[in-house]
Amino acid sequence: MRLELYHSYIDTADRALTERLWAHLPPSRREELAPRTPASRAEGAGLTALLTHALEQWQTASGTAFQTVPATALTRPFARWEVAPNGKPFPAGISTPQGVVFVSFSHSNGHLLAAVCDRPLGADIQAWEAPAFAPDRFSRTAARITHPDESLPAAPREVARRFAAKEAALKLSGDGLRRALCLVAVGEDETDGASLHFCEKVSDCIIAVAVSR
């Protein structure tokens, strides 16, 4: 299995960056992002450009398992954008000279993630400092996402880790947030026929990836 993770961070208040990326977005992606908040639009536009970088690295075979990409490198949004009726981007993968590759995206508090793999996957990034994991809220978040067969996570970081794993599993299946997180059970390294991988190379985030076996 070949799996590569590309991370970047953008200042969502940087209007010059957002406007530059927005001007070159494919019409379908622009239509998808238009109803969102300004911060979410900025992150969405950044992800489209991060995909361009990730695919270039993949095709030159110079990619690494994890890479942080400076925001200044987010210059060219991917020329087309495909979304299935259930909202899953590029459900059949993307054709490259090296064969079909599969991609998954996530964003949290300005952090961007593009995951590329030679197998179907789902990926999620969660910032430790996100409101849902704050000391006065994490227990409610834990109760909301815990499956009956799971123990209740006891600390904010445990909640964030499990939240990311469940989001990744749902992105792999294509269910997205249409299915409640409490209906998804995850283990330390697997979920519903998929393998789970975690990355904490970004100091203030957790990354989870669910890869089809």
Protein backbone atom coordinates (compact mmCIF):
# COMPACT_ATOMS: atom_id res chain seq x y z
CA MET A 1 0.00 0.00 0.00
CA ARG A 2 1.19 3.50 -0.83
CA LEU A 3 -0.30 6.27 1.32
CA GLU A 4 0.80 9.91 1.31
CA LEU A 5 -0.49 12.74 3.49
CA TYR A 6 -0.17 16.39 2.53
CA HIS A 7 -0.84 19.06 5.16
CA SER A 8 -0.94 22.83 4.94
CA TYR A 9 -2.15 25.72 7.05
CA ILE A 10 -3.78 28.85 5.72
CA ASP A 11 -4.82 32.06 7.38
CA THR A 12 -8.53 32.08 6.53
CA ALA A 13 -8.55 35.87 6.99
CA ASP A 14 -5.99 36.31 4.20
CA ARG A 15 -8.37 37.66 1.56
CA ALA A 16 -5.66 38.01 -1.08
CA LEU A 17 -4.85 34.30 -0.91
CA THR A 18 -8.52 33.28 -0.88
CA GLU A 19 -9.43 35.53 -3.79
CA ARG A 20 -6.46 34.31 -5.85
CA LEU A 21 -7.46 30.68 -5.37
CA TRP A 22 -11.16 31.40 -5.78
CA ALA A 23 -10.62 33.05 -9.17
CA HIS A 24 -9.15 29.82 -10.57
CA LEU A 25 -11.52 27.29 -9.01
CA PRO A 26 -13.43 24.93 -11.31
CA PRO A 27 -17.06 26.12 -11.57
CA SER A 28 -18.38 22.97 -9.87
CA ARG A 29 -16.12 23.49 -6.86
CA ARG A 30 -17.02 27.17 -6.65
CA GLU A 31 -20.72 26.29 -6.68
CA GLU A 32 -20.18 23.73 -3.92
CA LEU A 33 -18.30 26.18 -1.69
CA ALA A 34 -20.43 29.28 -2.29
CA PRO A 35 -23.02 28.66 0.50
CA ARG A 36 -20.34 28.06 3.17
CA THR A 37 -18.88 30.50 5.68
CA PRO A 38 -15.94 32.65 4.52
CA ALA A 39 -13.50 30.56 6.58
CA SER A 40 -14.85 27.30 5.15
CA ARG A 41 -14.70 28.71 1.62
CA ALA A 42 -11.06 29.67 2.16
CA GLU A 43 -10.21 26.20 3.44
CA GLY A 44 -12.11 24.56 0.59
CA ALA A 45 -10.28 26.63 -2.00
CA GLY A 46 -6.98 25.78 -0.34
CA LEU A 47 -7.76 22.06 -0.47
CA THR A 48 -8.36 22.26 -4.21
CA ALA A 49 -4.86 23.69 -4.66
CA LEU A 50 -3.34 21.24 -2.15
CA LEU A 51 -4.68 18.40 -4.31
CA THR A 52 -2.73 19.74 -7.29
CA HIS A 53 0.47 19.66 -5.25
CA ALA A 54 -0.25 16.18 -3.85
CA LEU A 55 -0.88 14.67 -7.29
CA GLU A 56 2.27 16.27 -8.71
CA GLN A 57 4.31 14.72 -5.90
CA TRP A 58 2.64 11.34 -6.43
CA GLN A 59 3.30 11.32 -10.16
CA THR A 60 6.98 12.21 -9.81
CA ALA A 61 7.35 9.39 -7.27
CA SER A 62 9.09 11.90 -5.00
CA GLY A 63 6.31 12.05 -2.46
CA THR A 64 6.85 11.15 1.18
CA ALA A 65 4.55 9.54 3.71
CA PHE A 66 3.90 12.96 5.26
CA GLN A 67 4.63 16.46 4.01
CA THR A 68 3.70 19.93 5.21
CA VAL A 69 3.21 22.30 2.28
CA PRO A 70 3.67 26.07 2.78
CA ALA A 71 0.58 28.13 2.02
CA THR A 72 2.64 30.02 -0.56
CA ALA A 73 2.80 26.78 -2.60
CA LEU A 74 -0.99 26.66 -2.92
CA THR A 75 -1.15 28.36 -6.27
CA ARG A 76 -3.05 26.22 -8.79
CA PRO A 77 -6.42 24.65 -7.97
CA PHE A 78 -7.08 21.24 -9.52
CA ALA A 79 -8.64 21.77 -12.93
CA ARG A 80 -11.76 19.68 -12.34
CA TRP A 81 -13.81 18.58 -9.39
CA GLU A 82 -16.03 15.48 -9.24
CA VAL A 83 -18.50 14.77 -6.45
CA ALA A 84 -20.81 11.76 -6.13
CA PRO A 85 -24.49 12.27 -5.20
CA ASN A 86 -23.61 11.33 -1.60
CA GLY A 87 -20.98 14.10 -1.51
CA LYS A 88 -17.86 11.92 -1.77
CA PRO A 89 -15.21 13.63 -3.93
CA PHE A 90 -13.73 11.59 -6.79
CA PRO A 91 -15.53 8.35 -5.82
CA ALA A 92 -13.86 6.38 -8.63
CA GLY A 93 -10.44 7.89 -8.01
CA ILE A 94 -8.29 10.02 -10.32
CA SER A 95 -6.47 8.68 -13.36
CA THR A 96 -2.73 9.39 -13.44
CA PRO A 97 0.13 8.02 -15.57
CA GLN A 98 0.86 5.71 -12.64
CA GLY A 99 -2.72 4.39 -12.56
CA VAL A 100 -5.82 5.30 -10.59
CA VAL A 101 -5.24 6.96 -7.22
CA PHE A 102 -7.80 7.70 -4.52
CA VAL A 103 -8.01 10.92 -2.54
CA SER A 104 -9.71 12.24 0.57
CA PHE A 105 -9.76 15.71 2.13
CA SER A 106 -10.34 17.42 5.45
CA HIS A 107 -9.92 20.81 7.10
CA SER A 108 -10.03 22.07 10.68
CA ASN A 109 -9.24 25.53 12.09
CA GLY A 110 -7.19 26.49 9.02
CA HIS A 111 -5.39 23.15 8.82
CA LEU A 112 -5.78 21.38 5.46
CA LEU A 113 -5.28 17.71 4.65
CA ALA A 114 -5.14 15.89 1.32
CA ALA A 115 -4.60 12.12 1.55
CA VAL A 116 -3.59 10.14 -1.55
CA CYS A 117 -3.55 6.34 -1.73
CA ASP A 118 -3.57 3.47 -4.19
CA ARG A 119 -6.64 2.09 -2.38
CA PRO A 120 -10.01 3.70 -1.54
CA LEU A 121 -9.72 5.73 1.65
CA GLY A 122 -11.25 8.32 3.92
CA ALA A 123 -9.21 10.87 5.89
CA ASP A 124 -9.91 13.43 8.59
CA ILE A 125 -7.95 16.06 10.50
CA GLN A 126 -9.07 17.52 13.82
CA ALA A 127 -7.37 20.38 15.67
CA TRP A 128 -6.88 19.59 19.36
CA GLU A 129 -8.09 23.11 20.16
CA ALA A 130 -11.39 22.82 18.27
CA PRO A 131 -14.38 23.93 20.40
CA ALA A 132 -15.86 20.41 20.48
CA PHE A 133 -12.81 19.19 22.43
CA ALA A 134 -12.57 22.08 24.91
CA PRO A 135 -12.43 21.09 28.63
CA ASP A 136 -16.00 22.23 29.21
CA ARG A 137 -17.42 20.49 26.14
CA PHE A 138 -15.46 17.33 25.38
CA SER A 139 -17.55 15.10 27.66
CA ARG A 140 -20.71 16.05 25.76
CA THR A 141 -18.95 15.42 22.46
CA ALA A 142 -17.76 12.05 23.78
CA ALA A 143 -21.29 11.01 24.76
CA ARG A 144 -22.60 12.06 21.35
CA ILE A 145 -20.09 10.05 19.30
CA THR A 146 -19.60 6.90 21.41
CA HIS A 147 -20.96 3.61 20.07
CA PRO A 148 -22.71 1.28 22.58
CA ASP A 149 -19.85 -1.21 22.19
CA GLU A 150 -17.18 1.40 22.95
CA SER A 151 -15.90 2.76 26.24
CA LEU A 152 -16.39 6.48 26.84
CA PRO A 153 -13.18 8.45 26.09
CA ALA A 154 -12.00 10.25 29.20
CA ALA A 155 -9.86 13.10 27.86
CA PRO A 156 -10.15 15.74 25.12
CA ARG A 157 -7.36 14.20 23.00
CA GLU A 158 -9.00 10.78 23.16
CA VAL A 159 -12.27 12.31 21.99
CA ALA A 160 -10.54 14.11 19.10
CA ARG A 161 -8.75 10.91 18.07
CA ARG A 162 -11.96 8.88 18.04
CA PHE A 163 -13.88 11.69 16.30
CA ALA A 164 -11.28 11.79 13.51
CA ALA A 165 -11.31 8.00 13.14
CA LYS A 166 -15.09 7.88 12.79
CA GLU A 167 -15.12 10.75 10.29
CA ALA A 168 -12.46 8.95 8.24
CA ALA A 169 -14.49 5.73 8.27
CA LEU A 170 -17.61 7.56 7.09
CA LYS A 171 -15.71 9.31 4.32
CA LEU A 172 -14.41 5.95 3.11
CA SER A 173 -17.93 4.51 3.01
CA GLY A 174 -19.32 7.67 1.42
CA ASP A 175 -21.86 8.16 4.22
CA GLY A 176 -20.24 11.38 5.43
CA LEU A 177 -22.19 13.10 8.19
CA ARG A 178 -25.43 11.56 6.95
CA ARG A 179 -24.78 8.83 9.52
CA ALA A 180 -24.45 9.60 13.23
CA LEU A 181 -20.97 9.04 14.63
CA CYS A 182 -22.41 7.04 17.53
CA LEU A 183 -23.48 4.37 15.01
CA VAL A 184 -19.89 3.78 13.90
CA ALA A 185 -17.61 1.57 16.00
CA VAL A 186 -13.84 1.92 15.64
CA GLY A 187 -10.93 0.05 17.15
CA GLU A 188 -7.31 1.02 17.55
CA ASP A 189 -6.33 -0.10 14.06
CA GLU A 190 -9.46 -1.15 12.21
CA THR A 191 -13.08 -0.30 11.53
CA ASP A 192 -15.72 -2.15 9.53
CA GLY A 193 -13.34 -3.96 7.19
CA ALA A 194 -10.87 -1.10 6.85
CA SER A 195 -7.49 -0.46 8.43
CA LEU A 196 -7.03 2.67 10.56
CA HIS A 197 -3.89 4.78 10.52
CA PHE A 198 -3.11 7.76 12.75
CA CYS A 199 -0.62 10.60 12.33
CA GLU A 200 0.35 13.24 14.90
CA LYS A 201 3.16 14.93 13.00
CA VAL A 202 1.24 18.23 13.19
CA SER A 203 1.71 19.25 16.81
CA ASP A 204 -1.78 20.61 17.39
CA CYS A 205 -3.79 18.15 15.26
CA ILE A 206 -4.70 14.48 14.94
CA ILE A 207 -5.00 12.87 11.51
CA ALA A 208 -6.91 9.64 10.97
CA VAL A 209 -7.07 7.63 7.74
CA ALA A 210 -9.32 4.64 7.02
CA VAL A 211 -8.02 2.53 4.11
CA SER A 212 -9.94 -0.22 2.37
CA ARG A 213 -8.34 -3.62 2.87
